[in-house]
Amino acid sequence: MATGHADPQRRERILAATLDHIAEEGVAGVSHRKIAARASVPLGSMTYHFEGIDDLLRQAFTRFADHIVAVFEEYLEPVGSPEEAREAVTDLVHTLSEGPRRDLVLTQELYTLAARRPEYQELTQTWMRRSRHLLERYFDPDTARQLDALIEGLTLHRALDNGAPHGRDLTSRAVHRITAATP
């Protein structure tokens, strides 16, 4: 295996392994040893690249939040009007809820940390600001805030409803109700 500077992807592999581990076993199971083994890196790489477990978790969750914001961007950046934005939001809810279970678990793990620890609240607040900023291109700030919460709530409800998750029509109607005051 390559060492130090000869392995420029090592840090990224560690972050990916951290997210994979959290998705499978939760934050409580994270340790330097487990992540190093999962990433196939020497244990010393953990302290070389990260100041400690909290630094590792913050950086891994920041990477994850960047991924979710990129999904928002994919759906919302090409949009040209509030009506197209409503359709894009509906598509986004269905994409996120039907997407990898890993993303749903990682989101909930981050929210649990944020409920307990201020440094993770800051990370989630930054994530929410970025999402709302994209929505504010088409809707006023209050509507964007409500719509962002709706996206997360409907995504969670659809993903966890193993029986018969609600369909696109219900999502579309919910989006239209929240955005009705916006032209």
N, C-alpha and C. Protein backbone atom coordinates (compact mmCIF):
# COMPACT_ATOMS: atom_id res chain seq x y z
N MET A 1 0.84 -1.18 0.00
CA MET A 1 0.00 0.00 0.00
C MET A 1 0.88 1.24 0.00
N ALA A 2 0.46 2.27 -0.72
CA ALA A 2 1.21 3.51 -0.79
C ALA A 2 1.16 4.23 0.55
N THR A 3 2.17 5.04 0.83
CA THR A 3 2.20 5.74 2.10
C THR A 3 2.08 7.23 1.90
N GLY A 4 1.57 7.92 2.93
CA GLY A 4 1.52 9.38 3.03
C GLY A 4 1.23 10.09 1.75
N HIS A 5 2.24 10.81 1.26
CA HIS A 5 2.07 11.67 0.10
C HIS A 5 1.88 10.90 -1.20
N ALA A 6 2.27 9.64 -1.22
CA ALA A 6 2.12 8.84 -2.43
C ALA A 6 0.69 8.32 -2.58
N ASP A 7 -0.16 8.60 -1.62
CA ASP A 7 -1.55 8.13 -1.63
C ASP A 7 -2.49 9.33 -1.46
N PRO A 8 -2.64 10.13 -2.51
CA PRO A 8 -3.42 11.37 -2.38
C PRO A 8 -4.91 11.15 -2.11
N GLN A 9 -5.41 9.96 -2.35
CA GLN A 9 -6.83 9.69 -2.13
C GLN A 9 -7.13 9.12 -0.74
N ARG A 10 -6.11 8.97 0.07
CA ARG A 10 -6.28 8.34 1.38
C ARG A 10 -7.31 9.08 2.24
N ARG A 11 -7.20 10.38 2.32
CA ARG A 11 -8.13 11.17 3.15
C ARG A 11 -9.57 10.96 2.68
N GLU A 12 -9.78 10.98 1.37
CA GLU A 12 -11.12 10.78 0.83
C GLU A 12 -11.65 9.38 1.11
N ARG A 13 -10.76 8.39 1.03
CA ARG A 13 -11.17 7.02 1.35
C ARG A 13 -11.58 6.90 2.81
N ILE A 14 -10.87 7.60 3.67
CA ILE A 14 -11.21 7.57 5.10
C ILE A 14 -12.59 8.20 5.31
N LEU A 15 -12.85 9.33 4.67
CA LEU A 15 -14.15 9.98 4.82
C LEU A 15 -15.27 9.09 4.28
N ALA A 16 -15.05 8.48 3.13
CA ALA A 16 -16.05 7.58 2.56
C ALA A 16 -16.28 6.38 3.48
N ALA A 17 -15.22 5.83 4.01
CA ALA A 17 -15.34 4.69 4.93
C ALA A 17 -16.09 5.08 6.20
N THR A 18 -15.86 6.30 6.66
CA THR A 18 -16.56 6.79 7.85
C THR A 18 -18.06 6.86 7.59
N LEU A 19 -18.45 7.44 6.46
CA LEU A 19 -19.87 7.53 6.13
C LEU A 19 -20.48 6.13 5.94
N ASP A 20 -19.77 5.24 5.29
CA ASP A 20 -20.27 3.88 5.12
C ASP A 20 -20.47 3.20 6.48
N HIS A 21 -19.51 3.39 7.36
CA HIS A 21 -19.60 2.78 8.69
C HIS A 21 -20.79 3.34 9.47
N ILE A 22 -20.95 4.66 9.43
CA ILE A 22 -22.07 5.28 10.13
C ILE A 22 -23.39 4.77 9.58
N ALA A 23 -23.48 4.65 8.27
CA ALA A 23 -24.71 4.17 7.65
C ALA A 23 -25.04 2.74 8.08
N GLU A 24 -24.04 1.94 8.32
CA GLU A 24 -24.26 0.54 8.69
C GLU A 24 -24.38 0.32 10.19
N GLU A 25 -23.60 1.08 10.98
CA GLU A 25 -23.54 0.78 12.42
C GLU A 25 -23.86 1.97 13.31
N GLY A 26 -24.00 3.16 12.75
CA GLY A 26 -24.29 4.34 13.56
C GLY A 26 -23.04 5.04 14.02
N VAL A 27 -23.24 6.27 14.48
CA VAL A 27 -22.13 7.10 14.94
C VAL A 27 -21.46 6.49 16.17
N ALA A 28 -22.25 5.88 17.03
CA ALA A 28 -21.70 5.34 18.28
C ALA A 28 -20.60 4.31 18.03
N GLY A 29 -20.62 3.64 16.90
CA GLY A 29 -19.63 2.61 16.61
C GLY A 29 -18.37 3.11 15.94
N VAL A 30 -18.24 4.40 15.72
CA VAL A 30 -17.06 4.93 15.02
C VAL A 30 -15.85 4.92 15.94
N SER A 31 -14.75 4.37 15.44
CA SER A 31 -13.46 4.44 16.13
C SER A 31 -12.38 4.55 15.06
N HIS A 32 -11.24 5.06 15.47
CA HIS A 32 -10.11 5.15 14.53
C HIS A 32 -9.78 3.79 13.95
N ARG A 33 -9.73 2.80 14.80
CA ARG A 33 -9.34 1.45 14.37
C ARG A 33 -10.34 0.90 13.33
N LYS A 34 -11.64 1.03 13.61
CA LYS A 34 -12.65 0.49 12.68
C LYS A 34 -12.62 1.21 11.33
N ILE A 35 -12.46 2.52 11.37
CA ILE A 35 -12.46 3.28 10.11
C ILE A 35 -11.19 3.00 9.33
N ALA A 36 -10.06 2.93 10.00
CA ALA A 36 -8.80 2.62 9.30
C ALA A 36 -8.89 1.25 8.62
N ALA A 37 -9.44 0.28 9.31
CA ALA A 37 -9.59 -1.06 8.72
C ALA A 37 -10.53 -1.02 7.51
N ARG A 38 -11.64 -0.30 7.65
CA ARG A 38 -12.61 -0.22 6.56
C ARG A 38 -12.02 0.50 5.35
N ALA A 39 -11.21 1.52 5.60
CA ALA A 39 -10.60 2.29 4.51
C ALA A 39 -9.32 1.65 3.98
N SER A 40 -8.87 0.58 4.62
CA SER A 40 -7.62 -0.09 4.26
C SER A 40 -6.44 0.86 4.30
N VAL A 41 -6.33 1.57 5.43
CA VAL A 41 -5.21 2.49 5.64
C VAL A 41 -4.57 2.17 6.98
N PRO A 42 -3.31 2.54 7.15
CA PRO A 42 -2.66 2.34 8.45
C PRO A 42 -3.37 3.18 9.52
N LEU A 43 -3.42 2.68 10.72
CA LEU A 43 -4.08 3.37 11.83
C LEU A 43 -3.53 4.78 12.02
N GLY A 44 -2.23 4.96 11.82
CA GLY A 44 -1.62 6.28 11.97
C GLY A 44 -2.16 7.33 11.01
N SER A 45 -2.74 6.88 9.90
CA SER A 45 -3.33 7.83 8.94
C SER A 45 -4.49 8.61 9.54
N MET A 46 -5.15 8.01 10.50
CA MET A 46 -6.31 8.66 11.11
C MET A 46 -5.89 9.94 11.81
N THR A 47 -4.84 9.87 12.61
CA THR A 47 -4.41 11.06 13.33
C THR A 47 -3.60 12.00 12.45
N TYR A 48 -3.06 11.49 11.37
CA TYR A 48 -2.35 12.35 10.42
C TYR A 48 -3.33 13.27 9.71
N HIS A 49 -4.48 12.74 9.31
CA HIS A 49 -5.45 13.50 8.52
C HIS A 49 -6.53 14.19 9.35
N PHE A 50 -6.76 13.73 10.58
CA PHE A 50 -7.86 14.27 11.39
C PHE A 50 -7.39 14.46 12.82
N GLU A 51 -7.85 15.54 13.45
CA GLU A 51 -7.42 15.86 14.81
C GLU A 51 -8.01 14.92 15.85
N GLY A 52 -9.05 14.24 15.52
CA GLY A 52 -9.69 13.31 16.44
C GLY A 52 -10.99 12.82 15.82
N ILE A 53 -11.74 12.06 16.59
CA ILE A 53 -13.01 11.50 16.08
C ILE A 53 -13.99 12.62 15.71
N ASP A 54 -14.08 13.65 16.54
CA ASP A 54 -15.02 14.74 16.22
C ASP A 54 -14.67 15.42 14.91
N ASP A 55 -13.38 15.66 14.69
CA ASP A 55 -12.95 16.26 13.42
C ASP A 55 -13.31 15.35 12.25
N LEU A 56 -13.07 14.06 12.41
CA LEU A 56 -13.42 13.08 11.38
C LEU A 56 -14.92 13.11 11.10
N LEU A 57 -15.73 13.08 12.14
CA LEU A 57 -17.19 13.09 11.96
C LEU A 57 -17.66 14.38 11.30
N ARG A 58 -17.15 15.52 11.76
CA ARG A 58 -17.56 16.81 11.16
C ARG A 58 -17.21 16.85 9.68
N GLN A 59 -16.01 16.42 9.35
CA GLN A 59 -15.61 16.46 7.94
C GLN A 59 -16.41 15.46 7.10
N ALA A 60 -16.67 14.30 7.65
CA ALA A 60 -17.45 13.30 6.91
C ALA A 60 -18.88 13.80 6.70
N PHE A 61 -19.49 14.35 7.74
CA PHE A 61 -20.85 14.86 7.59
C PHE A 61 -20.90 16.11 6.71
N THR A 62 -19.86 16.90 6.71
CA THR A 62 -19.81 18.04 5.78
C THR A 62 -19.78 17.54 4.35
N ARG A 63 -19.01 16.50 4.12
CA ARG A 63 -18.97 15.88 2.79
C ARG A 63 -20.35 15.36 2.39
N PHE A 64 -21.03 14.73 3.33
CA PHE A 64 -22.37 14.21 3.06
C PHE A 64 -23.34 15.35 2.76
N ALA A 65 -23.30 16.42 3.55
CA ALA A 65 -24.19 17.57 3.32
C ALA A 65 -23.92 18.18 1.95
N ASP A 66 -22.66 18.26 1.56
CA ASP A 66 -22.31 18.76 0.22
C ASP A 66 -22.94 17.89 -0.86
N HIS A 67 -22.95 16.59 -0.63
CA HIS A 67 -23.57 15.66 -1.58
C HIS A 67 -25.07 15.94 -1.72
N ILE A 68 -25.76 16.12 -0.62
CA ILE A 68 -27.21 16.37 -0.67
C ILE A 68 -27.49 17.72 -1.31
N VAL A 69 -26.72 18.73 -1.00
CA VAL A 69 -26.90 20.04 -1.64
C VAL A 69 -26.67 19.92 -3.15
N ALA A 70 -25.72 19.10 -3.56
CA ALA A 70 -25.48 18.89 -4.99
C ALA A 70 -26.71 18.26 -5.66
N VAL A 71 -27.41 17.39 -4.95
CA VAL A 71 -28.64 16.81 -5.50
C VAL A 71 -29.69 17.92 -5.65
N PHE A 72 -29.83 18.77 -4.64
CA PHE A 72 -30.74 19.92 -4.73
C PHE A 72 -30.38 20.77 -5.96
N GLU A 73 -29.09 21.05 -6.11
CA GLU A 73 -28.63 21.87 -7.24
C GLU A 73 -28.98 21.22 -8.58
N GLU A 74 -28.79 19.93 -8.66
CA GLU A 74 -29.09 19.20 -9.89
C GLU A 74 -30.54 19.42 -10.32
N TYR A 75 -31.44 19.43 -9.36
CA TYR A 75 -32.86 19.58 -9.67
C TYR A 75 -33.28 21.03 -9.81
N LEU A 76 -32.69 21.93 -9.03
CA LEU A 76 -33.19 23.31 -8.99
C LEU A 76 -32.45 24.30 -9.87
N GLU A 77 -31.19 24.07 -10.18
CA GLU A 77 -30.46 25.05 -10.97
C GLU A 77 -30.98 25.23 -12.39
N PRO A 78 -31.41 24.17 -13.08
CA PRO A 78 -31.88 24.39 -14.45
C PRO A 78 -33.27 25.01 -14.55
N VAL A 79 -33.94 25.19 -13.42
CA VAL A 79 -35.32 25.66 -13.38
C VAL A 79 -35.40 27.14 -13.73
N GLY A 80 -36.46 27.53 -14.44
CA GLY A 80 -36.59 28.91 -14.86
C GLY A 80 -37.78 29.66 -14.30
N SER A 81 -38.67 28.99 -13.58
CA SER A 81 -39.87 29.67 -13.07
C SER A 81 -40.34 28.98 -11.79
N PRO A 82 -41.19 29.67 -11.01
CA PRO A 82 -41.74 29.03 -9.81
C PRO A 82 -42.51 27.74 -10.14
N GLU A 83 -43.23 27.71 -11.23
CA GLU A 83 -43.97 26.48 -11.58
C GLU A 83 -43.01 25.33 -11.87
N GLU A 84 -41.94 25.61 -12.60
CA GLU A 84 -40.93 24.57 -12.85
C GLU A 84 -40.26 24.16 -11.54
N ALA A 85 -40.08 25.12 -10.64
CA ALA A 85 -39.47 24.82 -9.34
C ALA A 85 -40.38 23.88 -8.54
N ARG A 86 -41.68 24.09 -8.61
CA ARG A 86 -42.62 23.20 -7.91
C ARG A 86 -42.48 21.76 -8.42
N GLU A 87 -42.38 21.63 -9.73
CA GLU A 87 -42.20 20.29 -10.31
C GLU A 87 -40.85 19.69 -9.91
N ALA A 88 -39.82 20.53 -9.90
CA ALA A 88 -38.49 20.06 -9.52
C ALA A 88 -38.46 19.61 -8.06
N VAL A 89 -39.16 20.34 -7.19
CA VAL A 89 -39.22 19.96 -5.78
C VAL A 89 -39.94 18.62 -5.63
N THR A 90 -41.02 18.45 -6.36
CA THR A 90 -41.74 17.17 -6.33
C THR A 90 -40.82 16.04 -6.77
N ASP A 91 -40.10 16.26 -7.87
CA ASP A 91 -39.14 15.25 -8.34
C ASP A 91 -38.06 14.98 -7.30
N LEU A 92 -37.59 16.03 -6.66
CA LEU A 92 -36.54 15.92 -5.65
C LEU A 92 -37.00 15.05 -4.48
N VAL A 93 -38.20 15.28 -3.98
CA VAL A 93 -38.73 14.48 -2.87
C VAL A 93 -38.74 13.00 -3.25
N HIS A 94 -39.20 12.71 -4.45
CA HIS A 94 -39.29 11.31 -4.86
C HIS A 94 -37.91 10.70 -5.12
N THR A 95 -37.01 11.47 -5.65
CA THR A 95 -35.65 10.98 -5.86
C THR A 95 -34.97 10.68 -4.53
N LEU A 96 -35.07 11.61 -3.59
CA LEU A 96 -34.43 11.41 -2.29
C LEU A 96 -35.05 10.25 -1.52
N SER A 97 -36.36 10.13 -1.57
CA SER A 97 -37.02 9.07 -0.78
C SER A 97 -36.86 7.69 -1.41
N GLU A 98 -36.63 7.66 -2.70
CA GLU A 98 -36.44 6.37 -3.38
C GLU A 98 -34.97 6.05 -3.59
N GLY A 99 -34.12 6.97 -3.17
CA GLY A 99 -32.68 6.81 -3.35
C GLY A 99 -32.07 5.87 -2.33
N PRO A 100 -30.76 5.92 -2.22
CA PRO A 100 -30.07 5.01 -1.30
C PRO A 100 -30.54 5.16 0.15
N ARG A 101 -30.84 4.06 0.79
CA ARG A 101 -31.22 4.06 2.21
C ARG A 101 -30.10 4.68 3.04
N ARG A 102 -28.88 4.53 2.56
CA ARG A 102 -27.70 5.08 3.22
C ARG A 102 -27.87 6.58 3.47
N ASP A 103 -28.36 7.32 2.48
CA ASP A 103 -28.53 8.77 2.63
C ASP A 103 -29.55 9.09 3.71
N LEU A 104 -30.62 8.34 3.77
CA LEU A 104 -31.63 8.54 4.80
C LEU A 104 -31.04 8.30 6.19
N VAL A 105 -30.31 7.23 6.35
CA VAL A 105 -29.70 6.90 7.64
C VAL A 105 -28.68 7.96 8.03
N LEU A 106 -27.85 8.37 7.09
CA LEU A 106 -26.84 9.40 7.40
C LEU A 106 -27.49 10.71 7.80
N THR A 107 -28.57 11.07 7.13
CA THR A 107 -29.29 12.30 7.50
C THR A 107 -29.78 12.21 8.94
N GLN A 108 -30.39 11.10 9.29
CA GLN A 108 -30.93 10.96 10.64
C GLN A 108 -29.81 10.90 11.69
N GLU A 109 -28.71 10.27 11.37
CA GLU A 109 -27.57 10.24 12.30
C GLU A 109 -27.03 11.66 12.53
N LEU A 110 -26.96 12.45 11.47
CA LEU A 110 -26.49 13.83 11.62
C LEU A 110 -27.47 14.64 12.45
N TYR A 111 -28.76 14.49 12.19
CA TYR A 111 -29.76 15.22 12.97
C TYR A 111 -29.70 14.85 14.45
N THR A 112 -29.45 13.59 14.74
CA THR A 112 -29.35 13.16 16.13
C THR A 112 -28.16 13.83 16.80
N LEU A 113 -27.02 13.87 16.11
CA LEU A 113 -25.86 14.59 16.66
C LEU A 113 -26.17 16.07 16.84
N ALA A 114 -26.84 16.67 15.87
CA ALA A 114 -27.15 18.09 15.94
C ALA A 114 -28.10 18.41 17.08
N ALA A 115 -28.97 17.48 17.42
CA ALA A 115 -29.89 17.69 18.54
C ALA A 115 -29.15 17.72 19.87
N ARG A 116 -27.96 17.13 19.90
CA ARG A 116 -27.21 17.02 21.15
C ARG A 116 -26.00 17.96 21.23
N ARG A 117 -25.43 18.30 20.07
CA ARG A 117 -24.14 18.98 20.09
C ARG A 117 -24.13 20.20 19.17
N PRO A 118 -23.79 21.37 19.72
CA PRO A 118 -23.84 22.62 18.96
C PRO A 118 -23.01 22.64 17.68
N GLU A 119 -21.85 21.98 17.68
CA GLU A 119 -21.01 22.03 16.48
C GLU A 119 -21.68 21.33 15.30
N TYR A 120 -22.54 20.37 15.59
CA TYR A 120 -23.28 19.70 14.53
C TYR A 120 -24.54 20.49 14.16
N GLN A 121 -25.08 21.24 15.12
CA GLN A 121 -26.18 22.16 14.80
C GLN A 121 -25.71 23.18 13.77
N GLU A 122 -24.50 23.67 13.96
CA GLU A 122 -23.94 24.64 13.01
C GLU A 122 -23.82 24.02 11.62
N LEU A 123 -23.37 22.77 11.55
CA LEU A 123 -23.25 22.09 10.27
C LEU A 123 -24.61 21.93 9.60
N THR A 124 -25.63 21.51 10.37
CA THR A 124 -26.96 21.35 9.76
C THR A 124 -27.56 22.69 9.39
N GLN A 125 -27.30 23.73 10.17
CA GLN A 125 -27.81 25.05 9.82
C GLN A 125 -27.19 25.55 8.51
N THR A 126 -25.92 25.30 8.33
CA THR A 126 -25.27 25.67 7.07
C THR A 126 -25.88 24.91 5.91
N TRP A 127 -26.12 23.63 6.09
CA TRP A 127 -26.76 22.80 5.07
C TRP A 127 -28.15 23.36 4.73
N MET A 128 -28.94 23.67 5.75
CA MET A 128 -30.29 24.20 5.51
C MET A 128 -30.25 25.55 4.80
N ARG A 129 -29.30 26.40 5.19
CA ARG A 129 -29.17 27.71 4.52
C ARG A 129 -28.87 27.53 3.04
N ARG A 130 -28.00 26.60 2.73
CA ARG A 130 -27.64 26.34 1.33
C ARG A 130 -28.85 25.82 0.55
N SER A 131 -29.61 24.91 1.14
CA SER A 131 -30.80 24.39 0.48
C SER A 131 -31.84 25.49 0.28
N ARG A 132 -32.06 26.26 1.32
CA ARG A 132 -33.05 27.35 1.23
C ARG A 132 -32.62 28.40 0.21
N HIS A 133 -31.33 28.66 0.15
CA HIS A 133 -30.84 29.65 -0.83
C HIS A 133 -31.24 29.23 -2.25
N LEU A 134 -31.13 27.96 -2.55
CA LEU A 134 -31.55 27.46 -3.87
C LEU A 134 -33.05 27.65 -4.07
N LEU A 135 -33.83 27.39 -3.04
CA LEU A 135 -35.29 27.55 -3.14
C LEU A 135 -35.69 29.02 -3.22
N GLU A 136 -34.91 29.91 -2.61
CA GLU A 136 -35.22 31.34 -2.61
C GLU A 136 -35.04 31.98 -3.98
N ARG A 137 -34.48 31.27 -4.90
CA ARG A 137 -34.41 31.78 -6.27
C ARG A 137 -35.81 31.85 -6.87
N TYR A 138 -36.75 31.08 -6.32
CA TYR A 138 -38.10 30.98 -6.89
C TYR A 138 -39.19 31.35 -5.90
N PHE A 139 -38.86 31.33 -4.60
CA PHE A 139 -39.86 31.57 -3.56
C PHE A 139 -39.30 32.52 -2.51
N ASP A 140 -40.19 33.23 -1.82
CA ASP A 140 -39.76 34.14 -0.76
C ASP A 140 -39.11 33.32 0.38
N PRO A 141 -38.32 33.98 1.24
CA PRO A 141 -37.59 33.26 2.28
C PRO A 141 -38.47 32.41 3.22
N ASP A 142 -39.62 32.91 3.62
CA ASP A 142 -40.49 32.12 4.50
C ASP A 142 -41.00 30.87 3.79
N THR A 143 -41.40 31.03 2.54
CA THR A 143 -41.89 29.89 1.77
C THR A 143 -40.75 28.89 1.55
N ALA A 144 -39.56 29.38 1.26
CA ALA A 144 -38.40 28.50 1.05
C ALA A 144 -38.11 27.69 2.31
N ARG A 145 -38.22 28.33 3.46
CA ARG A 145 -37.99 27.63 4.74
C ARG A 145 -39.02 26.51 4.93
N GLN A 146 -40.28 26.84 4.69
CA GLN A 146 -41.35 25.83 4.83
C GLN A 146 -41.17 24.70 3.81
N LEU A 147 -40.81 25.08 2.61
CA LEU A 147 -40.64 24.09 1.55
C LEU A 147 -39.47 23.15 1.86
N ASP A 148 -38.40 23.71 2.40
CA ASP A 148 -37.24 22.89 2.78
C ASP A 148 -37.65 21.86 3.84
N ALA A 149 -38.43 22.29 4.82
CA ALA A 149 -38.91 21.36 5.85
C ALA A 149 -39.85 20.32 5.25
N LEU A 150 -40.69 20.74 4.31
CA LEU A 150 -41.59 19.80 3.65
C LEU A 150 -40.80 18.75 2.88
N ILE A 151 -39.76 19.17 2.18
CA ILE A 151 -38.94 18.22 1.42
C ILE A 151 -38.38 17.15 2.35
N GLU A 152 -37.81 17.59 3.47
CA GLU A 152 -37.23 16.62 4.39
C GLU A 152 -38.30 15.72 5.01
N GLY A 153 -39.42 16.31 5.40
CA GLY A 153 -40.47 15.52 6.03
C GLY A 153 -41.10 14.52 5.08
N LEU A 154 -41.44 14.95 3.88
CA LEU A 154 -42.04 14.03 2.91
C LEU A 154 -41.05 12.96 2.47
N THR A 155 -39.80 13.35 2.34
CA THR A 155 -38.77 12.36 1.98
C THR A 155 -38.70 11.27 3.05
N LEU A 156 -38.65 11.68 4.30
CA LEU A 156 -38.58 10.72 5.40
C LEU A 156 -39.83 9.84 5.44
N HIS A 157 -41.00 10.44 5.33
CA HIS A 157 -42.23 9.66 5.38
C HIS A 157 -42.33 8.67 4.22
N ARG A 158 -41.99 9.12 3.02
CA ARG A 158 -42.04 8.20 1.87
C ARG A 158 -41.04 7.07 2.04
N ALA A 159 -39.83 7.39 2.49
CA ALA A 159 -38.78 6.36 2.61
C ALA A 159 -39.10 5.32 3.68
N LEU A 160 -39.78 5.74 4.73
CA LEU A 160 -40.05 4.82 5.83
C LEU A 160 -41.39 4.10 5.71
N ASP A 161 -42.18 4.46 4.73
CA ASP A 161 -43.48 3.80 4.53
C ASP A 161 -43.27 2.59 3.64
N ASN A 162 -43.01 1.46 4.25
CA ASN A 162 -42.74 0.24 3.50
C ASN A 162 -43.97 -0.30 2.79
N GLY A 163 -45.14 0.04 3.29
CA GLY A 163 -46.37 -0.48 2.69
C GLY A 163 -46.65 0.16 1.35
N ALA A 164 -47.10 1.37 1.37
CA ALA A 164 -47.45 2.07 0.14
C ALA A 164 -47.16 3.56 0.31
N PRO A 165 -45.94 3.97 0.04
CA PRO A 165 -45.63 5.39 0.18
C PRO A 165 -46.53 6.24 -0.73
N HIS A 166 -46.84 7.44 -0.24
CA HIS A 166 -47.73 8.29 -1.03
C HIS A 166 -47.13 8.56 -2.41
N GLY A 167 -48.02 8.86 -3.33
CA GLY A 167 -47.61 9.06 -4.71
C GLY A 167 -47.24 10.49 -5.04
N ARG A 168 -46.85 10.66 -6.26
CA ARG A 168 -46.41 11.96 -6.77
C ARG A 168 -47.50 13.03 -6.67
N ASP A 169 -48.75 12.64 -6.87
CA ASP A 169 -49.85 13.61 -6.82
C ASP A 169 -49.95 14.25 -5.44
N LEU A 170 -49.84 13.46 -4.38
CA LEU A 170 -49.90 14.02 -3.02
C LEU A 170 -48.72 14.95 -2.76
N THR A 171 -47.54 14.56 -3.20
CA THR A 171 -46.37 15.42 -3.04
C THR A 171 -46.58 16.73 -3.78
N SER A 172 -47.05 16.66 -5.00
CA SER A 172 -47.28 17.86 -5.80
C SER A 172 -48.30 18.78 -5.14
N ARG A 173 -49.37 18.21 -4.62
CA ARG A 173 -50.39 19.04 -3.95
C ARG A 173 -49.81 19.71 -2.71
N ALA A 174 -49.00 19.00 -1.94
CA ALA A 174 -48.37 19.58 -0.75
C ALA A 174 -47.45 20.74 -1.12
N VAL A 175 -46.65 20.55 -2.15
CA VAL A 175 -45.76 21.60 -2.63
C VAL A 175 -46.56 22.81 -3.08
N HIS A 176 -47.64 22.58 -3.81
CA HIS A 176 -48.48 23.68 -4.28
C HIS A 176 -49.15 24.41 -3.13
N ARG A 177 -49.58 23.71 -2.11
CA ARG A 177 -50.19 24.37 -0.95
C ARG A 177 -49.23 25.31 -0.27
N ILE A 178 -48.00 24.86 -0.08
CA ILE A 178 -47.02 25.71 0.61
C ILE A 178 -46.61 26.90 -0.26
N THR A 179 -46.58 26.70 -1.55
CA THR A 179 -46.09 27.76 -2.46
C THR A 179 -47.22 28.54 -3.11
N ALA A 180 -48.44 28.35 -2.68
CA ALA A 180 -49.61 28.96 -3.34
C ALA A 180 -49.53 30.48 -3.40
N ALA A 181 -48.98 31.11 -2.39
CA ALA A 181 -48.93 32.58 -2.39
C ALA A 181 -47.85 33.12 -3.32
N THR A 182 -46.97 32.26 -3.78
CA THR A 182 -45.91 32.68 -4.69
C THR A 182 -46.42 32.58 -6.11
N PRO A 183 -46.21 33.63 -6.92
CA PRO A 183 -46.71 33.61 -8.30
C PRO A 183 -46.17 32.44 -9.10
